[in-house]
């Protein structure tokens, strides 16, 4: 683990070093709004649940938008960030593709890439992953992702807390529908 992947936490007179949380963003190829369909959002949720149950990561925040997702997560010790990200993206990509094939969706041809190692591609290459090195930065990113569904062209809900595929209700109303979510303040206790 590199020195920039560590976070020094001071609370109640105790100093501890933990692995950093990461702000992770991945975008659907060509910004196609395939995630507008709740069936495909559920694939993301199920995958995150699997990863947390299997102790590969902890999830502290999320929003699933029609053509991209944002996560605040922490890769657990004994796992590499690249491996967890790769497995998450590969699995969700396959499941979304299977869903598109099962329903004979008109969207499927838009994902054709005919590369040497694949015929279809759901996610754009090179997702964004940024270490969050302070509580302030974690809170800024949470505010950003929670506001995403009610900003700009999206307007997916009247109030950001009402948008179902977000961790906003978890933080604002203590709604724990997504059982895998952890509160970021547990890191500072």
C-alpha atoms as a PDB file:
ATOM      1  CA  UNK A   1       0.000   0.000   0.000  1.00  0.00           C
ATOM      2  CA  UNK A   2       1.447   3.369  -0.950  1.00  0.00           C
ATOM      3  CA  UNK A   3       1.824   6.154   1.647  1.00  0.00           C
ATOM      4  CA  UNK A   4      -0.846   8.209  -0.156  1.00  0.00           C
ATOM      5  CA  UNK A   5      -3.351   5.403   0.398  1.00  0.00           C
ATOM      6  CA  UNK A   6      -3.290   5.846   4.162  1.00  0.00           C
ATOM      7  CA  UNK A   7      -5.359   8.163   6.324  1.00  0.00           C
ATOM      8  CA  UNK A   8      -4.287   9.303   9.778  1.00  0.00           C
ATOM      9  CA  UNK A   9      -7.339   9.523  12.038  1.00  0.00           C
ATOM     10  CA  UNK A  10      -7.214  11.255  15.398  1.00  0.00           C
ATOM     11  CA  UNK A  11     -10.165  10.756  17.734  1.00  0.00           C
ATOM     12  CA  UNK A  12     -10.572  10.802  21.510  1.00  0.00           C
ATOM     13  CA  UNK A  13      -6.837  11.183  22.004  1.00  0.00           C
ATOM     14  CA  UNK A  14      -6.052   8.128  19.913  1.00  0.00           C
ATOM     15  CA  UNK A  15      -4.239   8.191  16.605  1.00  0.00           C
ATOM     16  CA  UNK A  16      -4.765   5.398  14.097  1.00  0.00           C
ATOM     17  CA  UNK A  17      -3.786   4.811  10.500  1.00  0.00           C
ATOM     18  CA  UNK A  18      -6.358   3.333   8.160  1.00  0.00           C
ATOM     19  CA  UNK A  19      -6.495   2.714   4.443  1.00  0.00           C
ATOM     20  CA  UNK A  20      -8.083   5.631   2.621  1.00  0.00           C
ATOM     21  CA  UNK A  21     -11.565   5.807   1.336  1.00  0.00           C
ATOM     22  CA  UNK A  22     -11.768   6.320  -2.389  1.00  0.00           C
ATOM     23  CA  UNK A  23     -14.097   8.345  -4.525  1.00  0.00           C
ATOM     24  CA  UNK A  24     -14.801   6.063  -7.475  1.00  0.00           C
ATOM     25  CA  UNK A  25     -16.636   7.045 -10.655  1.00  0.00           C
ATOM     26  CA  UNK A  26     -17.332   4.918 -13.663  1.00  0.00           C
ATOM     27  CA  UNK A  27     -19.258   5.953 -16.745  1.00  0.00           C
ATOM     28  CA  UNK A  28     -21.294   3.938 -19.207  1.00  0.00           C
ATOM     29  CA  UNK A  29     -19.777   3.739 -22.682  1.00  0.00           C
ATOM     30  CA  UNK A  30     -20.752   6.783 -24.789  1.00  0.00           C
ATOM     31  CA  UNK A  31     -22.795   8.041 -21.814  1.00  0.00           C
ATOM     32  CA  UNK A  32     -25.654   5.722 -22.862  1.00  0.00           C
ATOM     33  CA  UNK A  33     -28.345   5.897 -20.137  1.00  0.00           C
ATOM     34  CA  UNK A  34     -28.672   2.120 -19.674  1.00  0.00           C
ATOM     35  CA  UNK A  35     -28.840   2.529 -15.886  1.00  0.00           C
ATOM     36  CA  UNK A  36     -32.111   4.404 -16.234  1.00  0.00           C
ATOM     37  CA  UNK A  37     -33.689   0.947 -15.976  1.00  0.00           C
ATOM     38  CA  UNK A  38     -33.986  -0.156 -12.326  1.00  0.00           C
ATOM     39  CA  UNK A  39     -33.138  -3.733 -13.319  1.00  0.00           C
ATOM     40  CA  UNK A  40     -29.603  -2.629 -14.148  1.00  0.00           C
ATOM     41  CA  UNK A  41     -29.309  -0.433 -11.064  1.00  0.00           C
ATOM     42  CA  UNK A  42     -30.135  -3.505  -8.997  1.00  0.00           C
ATOM     43  CA  UNK A  43     -27.180  -5.327 -10.568  1.00  0.00           C
ATOM     44  CA  UNK A  44     -24.926  -2.590  -9.153  1.00  0.00           C
ATOM     45  CA  UNK A  45     -26.553  -2.873  -5.723  1.00  0.00           C
ATOM     46  CA  UNK A  46     -26.290  -6.673  -5.709  1.00  0.00           C
ATOM     47  CA  UNK A  47     -22.640  -6.545  -6.715  1.00  0.00           C
ATOM     48  CA  UNK A  48     -21.788  -4.050  -3.966  1.00  0.00           C
ATOM     49  CA  UNK A  49     -23.627  -6.230  -1.468  1.00  0.00           C
ATOM     50  CA  UNK A  50     -21.618  -9.265  -2.602  1.00  0.00           C
ATOM     51  CA  UNK A  51     -18.317  -7.397  -2.319  1.00  0.00           C
ATOM     52  CA  UNK A  52     -19.098  -6.222   1.219  1.00  0.00           C
ATOM     53  CA  UNK A  53     -20.376  -9.615   2.400  1.00  0.00           C
ATOM     54  CA  UNK A  54     -17.147 -11.141   1.113  1.00  0.00           C
ATOM     55  CA  UNK A  55     -15.053  -8.525   2.933  1.00  0.00           C
ATOM     56  CA  UNK A  56     -13.534  -7.082  -0.209  1.00  0.00           C
ATOM     57  CA  UNK A  57     -14.664  -3.525   0.507  1.00  0.00           C
ATOM     58  CA  UNK A  58     -16.804  -1.242   2.638  1.00  0.00           C
ATOM     59  CA  UNK A  59     -19.217   1.173   0.983  1.00  0.00           C
ATOM     60  CA  UNK A  60     -19.766   4.576   2.584  1.00  0.00           C
ATOM     61  CA  UNK A  61     -21.679   6.350  -0.157  1.00  0.00           C
ATOM     62  CA  UNK A  62     -23.202   5.800  -3.563  1.00  0.00           C
ATOM     63  CA  UNK A  63     -25.393   7.174  -6.273  1.00  0.00           C
ATOM     64  CA  UNK A  64     -26.425   5.344  -9.418  1.00  0.00           C
ATOM     65  CA  UNK A  65     -27.233   7.756 -12.206  1.00  0.00           C
ATOM     66  CA  UNK A  66     -28.660   6.807 -15.634  1.00  0.00           C
ATOM     67  CA  UNK A  67     -25.206   6.740 -17.261  1.00  0.00           C
ATOM     68  CA  UNK A  68     -22.654   6.716 -14.445  1.00  0.00           C
ATOM     69  CA  UNK A  69     -22.127   5.762 -10.826  1.00  0.00           C
ATOM     70  CA  UNK A  70     -20.260   7.352  -7.948  1.00  0.00           C
ATOM     71  CA  UNK A  71     -19.050   5.404  -4.938  1.00  0.00           C
ATOM     72  CA  UNK A  72     -17.208   6.221  -1.778  1.00  0.00           C
ATOM     73  CA  UNK A  73     -15.645   2.974  -0.736  1.00  0.00           C
ATOM     74  CA  UNK A  74     -12.700   1.496   1.068  1.00  0.00           C
ATOM     75  CA  UNK A  75     -10.912  -1.543  -0.240  1.00  0.00           C
ATOM     76  CA  UNK A  76     -10.252  -3.942   2.622  1.00  0.00           C
ATOM     77  CA  UNK A  77      -6.801  -5.133   3.561  1.00  0.00           C
ATOM     78  CA  UNK A  78      -5.527  -8.162   1.657  1.00  0.00           C
ATOM     79  CA  UNK A  79      -7.260  -6.901  -1.485  1.00  0.00           C
ATOM     80  CA  UNK A  80      -5.911  -4.657  -4.200  1.00  0.00           C
ATOM     81  CA  UNK A  81      -7.977  -1.721  -5.409  1.00  0.00           C
ATOM     82  CA  UNK A  82      -7.358  -2.699  -9.032  1.00  0.00           C
ATOM     83  CA  UNK A  83      -8.627  -6.248  -8.446  1.00  0.00           C
ATOM     84  CA  UNK A  84     -11.815  -5.183  -6.671  1.00  0.00           C
ATOM     85  CA  UNK A  85     -12.562  -2.522  -9.286  1.00  0.00           C
ATOM     86  CA  UNK A  86     -11.884  -4.940 -12.146  1.00  0.00           C
ATOM     87  CA  UNK A  87     -14.109  -7.646 -10.666  1.00  0.00           C
ATOM     88  CA  UNK A  88     -16.903  -5.159  -9.920  1.00  0.00           C
ATOM     89  CA  UNK A  89     -16.827  -3.682 -13.420  1.00  0.00           C
ATOM     90  CA  UNK A  90     -16.478  -7.048 -15.176  1.00  0.00           C
ATOM     91  CA  UNK A  91     -19.340  -8.665 -13.266  1.00  0.00           C
ATOM     92  CA  UNK A  92     -21.735  -5.716 -13.620  1.00  0.00           C
ATOM     93  CA  UNK A  93     -20.854  -5.372 -17.297  1.00  0.00           C
ATOM     94  CA  UNK A  94     -21.584  -9.039 -17.967  1.00  0.00           C
ATOM     95  CA  UNK A  95     -24.869  -8.959 -16.067  1.00  0.00           C
ATOM     96  CA  UNK A  96     -26.065  -5.800 -17.812  1.00  0.00           C
ATOM     97  CA  UNK A  97     -25.134  -7.306 -21.189  1.00  0.00           C
ATOM     98  CA  UNK A  98     -27.001 -10.521 -20.338  1.00  0.00           C
ATOM     99  CA  UNK A  99     -30.039  -8.437 -19.391  1.00  0.00           C
ATOM    100  CA  UNK A 100     -29.900  -6.501 -22.642  1.00  0.00           C
ATOM    101  CA  UNK A 101     -29.602  -9.759 -24.600  1.00  0.00           C
ATOM    102  CA  UNK A 102     -32.476 -11.416 -22.694  1.00  0.00           C
ATOM    103  CA  UNK A 103     -34.814  -8.532 -23.467  1.00  0.00           C
ATOM    104  CA  UNK A 104     -33.615  -8.028 -27.049  1.00  0.00           C
ATOM    105  CA  UNK A 105     -32.949  -4.417 -26.143  1.00  0.00           C
ATOM    106  CA  UNK A 106     -32.353  -1.867 -28.866  1.00  0.00           C
ATOM    107  CA  UNK A 107     -29.505  -0.557 -26.688  1.00  0.00           C
ATOM    108  CA  UNK A 108     -27.309  -3.643 -27.095  1.00  0.00           C
ATOM    109  CA  UNK A 109     -25.881  -2.735 -30.543  1.00  0.00           C
ATOM    110  CA  UNK A 110     -24.713   0.597 -29.110  1.00  0.00           C
ATOM    111  CA  UNK A 111     -22.336  -1.335 -26.849  1.00  0.00           C
ATOM    112  CA  UNK A 112     -20.704  -3.289 -29.677  1.00  0.00           C
ATOM    113  CA  UNK A 113     -16.964  -2.646 -29.825  1.00  0.00           C
ATOM    114  CA  UNK A 114     -15.607  -5.805 -31.494  1.00  0.00           C
ATOM    115  CA  UNK A 115     -12.250  -5.581 -29.766  1.00  0.00           C
ATOM    116  CA  UNK A 116      -9.788  -8.431 -29.624  1.00  0.00           C
ATOM    117  CA  UNK A 117     -10.887  -9.419 -26.111  1.00  0.00           C
ATOM    118  CA  UNK A 118     -14.616  -8.535 -26.240  1.00  0.00           C
ATOM    119  CA  UNK A 119     -17.552  -7.935 -28.514  1.00  0.00           C
ATOM    120  CA  UNK A 120     -19.413  -5.599 -26.136  1.00  0.00           C
ATOM    121  CA  UNK A 121     -18.285  -3.014 -23.630  1.00  0.00           C
ATOM    122  CA  UNK A 122     -20.584  -1.452 -21.023  1.00  0.00           C
ATOM    123  CA  UNK A 123     -18.189   0.750 -19.023  1.00  0.00           C
ATOM    124  CA  UNK A 124     -15.787   3.300 -20.418  1.00  0.00           C
ATOM    125  CA  UNK A 125     -12.152   2.490 -19.782  1.00  0.00           C
ATOM    126  CA  UNK A 126     -10.154   4.106 -16.981  1.00  0.00           C
ATOM    127  CA  UNK A 127     -12.638   4.820 -14.213  1.00  0.00           C
ATOM    128  CA  UNK A 128     -11.759   7.605 -11.805  1.00  0.00           C
ATOM    129  CA  UNK A 129     -10.468   6.639  -8.368  1.00  0.00           C
ATOM    130  CA  UNK A 130      -9.272   9.351  -5.975  1.00  0.00           C
ATOM    131  CA  UNK A 131      -8.043   8.876  -2.417  1.00  0.00           C
ATOM    132  CA  UNK A 132     -10.016  10.889   0.126  1.00  0.00           C
ATOM    133  CA  UNK A 133      -7.422  12.109   2.597  1.00  0.00           C
ATOM    134  CA  UNK A 134      -9.553  13.996   5.118  1.00  0.00           C
ATOM    135  CA  UNK A 135     -12.958  14.042   6.761  1.00  0.00           C
ATOM    136  CA  UNK A 136     -13.689  17.344   5.005  1.00  0.00           C
ATOM    137  CA  UNK A 137     -13.013  15.801   1.588  1.00  0.00           C
ATOM    138  CA  UNK A 138     -15.174  12.764   2.394  1.00  0.00           C
ATOM    139  CA  UNK A 139     -18.048  15.084   3.359  1.00  0.00           C
ATOM    140  CA  UNK A 140     -17.602  17.198   0.214  1.00  0.00           C
ATOM    141  CA  UNK A 141     -17.770  14.111  -2.004  1.00  0.00           C
ATOM    142  CA  UNK A 142     -20.824  12.773  -0.151  1.00  0.00           C
ATOM    143  CA  UNK A 143     -22.585  16.111  -0.643  1.00  0.00           C
ATOM    144  CA  UNK A 144     -21.629  16.048  -4.320  1.00  0.00           C
ATOM    145  CA  UNK A 145     -22.906  12.545  -5.027  1.00  0.00           C
ATOM    146  CA  UNK A 146     -26.105  13.070  -3.035  1.00  0.00           C
ATOM    147  CA  UNK A 147     -26.908  16.260  -4.957  1.00  0.00           C
ATOM    148  CA  UNK A 148     -26.239  14.612  -8.347  1.00  0.00           C
ATOM    149  CA  UNK A 149     -29.795  13.287  -8.948  1.00  0.00           C
ATOM    150  CA  UNK A 150     -31.404  16.729  -8.500  1.00  0.00           C
ATOM    151  CA  UNK A 151     -28.916  18.847 -10.430  1.00  0.00           C
ATOM    152  CA  UNK A 152     -28.694  19.915 -14.026  1.00  0.00           C
ATOM    153  CA  UNK A 153     -30.551  17.885 -16.598  1.00  0.00           C
ATOM    154  CA  UNK A 154     -31.332  14.939 -14.362  1.00  0.00           C
ATOM    155  CA  UNK A 155     -33.996  15.984 -11.869  1.00  0.00           C
ATOM    156  CA  UNK A 156     -34.563  12.333 -10.910  1.00  0.00           C
ATOM    157  CA  UNK A 157     -36.381  13.336  -7.703  1.00  0.00           C
ATOM    158  CA  UNK A 158     -37.873  16.445  -6.134  1.00  0.00           C
ATOM    159  CA  UNK A 159     -35.535  16.126  -3.159  1.00  0.00           C
ATOM    160  CA  UNK A 160     -32.150  14.400  -3.132  1.00  0.00           C
ATOM    161  CA  UNK A 161     -33.203  12.266  -0.150  1.00  0.00           C
ATOM    162  CA  UNK A 162     -36.080  10.829  -2.199  1.00  0.00           C
ATOM    163  CA  UNK A 163     -33.831   9.410  -4.901  1.00  0.00           C
ATOM    164  CA  UNK A 164     -33.860   5.680  -4.191  1.00  0.00           C
ATOM    165  CA  UNK A 165     -30.499   4.656  -5.665  1.00  0.00           C
ATOM    166  CA  UNK A 166     -28.412   6.834  -3.384  1.00  0.00           C
ATOM    167  CA  UNK A 167     -27.008   6.753   0.115  1.00  0.00           C
ATOM    168  CA  UNK A 168     -28.615  10.145   0.888  1.00  0.00           C
ATOM    169  CA  UNK A 169     -31.541   8.635   2.840  1.00  0.00           C
ATOM    170  CA  UNK A 170     -29.073   6.519   4.823  1.00  0.00           C
ATOM    171  CA  UNK A 171     -27.338   9.673   6.061  1.00  0.00           C
ATOM    172  CA  UNK A 172     -30.290  12.056   6.251  1.00  0.00           C
ATOM    173  CA  UNK A 173     -33.059   9.772   7.537  1.00  0.00           C
ATOM    174  CA  UNK A 174     -31.169   6.752   8.900  1.00  0.00           C
ATOM    175  CA  UNK A 175     -32.818   4.620   6.198  1.00  0.00           C
ATOM    176  CA  UNK A 176     -30.775   1.458   5.935  1.00  0.00           C
ATOM    177  CA  UNK A 177     -32.415  -0.246   2.960  1.00  0.00           C
ATOM    178  CA  UNK A 178     -28.964  -0.915   1.532  1.00  0.00           C
ATOM    179  CA  UNK A 179     -27.659  -3.105   4.334  1.00  0.00           C
ATOM    180  CA  UNK A 180     -24.072  -2.939   3.104  1.00  0.00           C
ATOM    181  CA  UNK A 181     -23.713   0.813   3.724  1.00  0.00           C
ATOM    182  CA  UNK A 182     -21.426   1.994   6.515  1.00  0.00           C
ATOM    183  CA  UNK A 183     -21.379   5.460   8.054  1.00  0.00           C
ATOM    184  CA  UNK A 184     -18.116   7.301   7.369  1.00  0.00           C
ATOM    185  CA  UNK A 185     -18.063   8.630  10.952  1.00  0.00           C
ATOM    186  CA  UNK A 186     -17.258   5.116  12.192  1.00  0.00           C
ATOM    187  CA  UNK A 187     -13.743   5.837  10.951  1.00  0.00           C
ATOM    188  CA  UNK A 188     -13.431   8.794  13.302  1.00  0.00           C
ATOM    189  CA  UNK A 189     -14.743   7.169  16.496  1.00  0.00           C
END
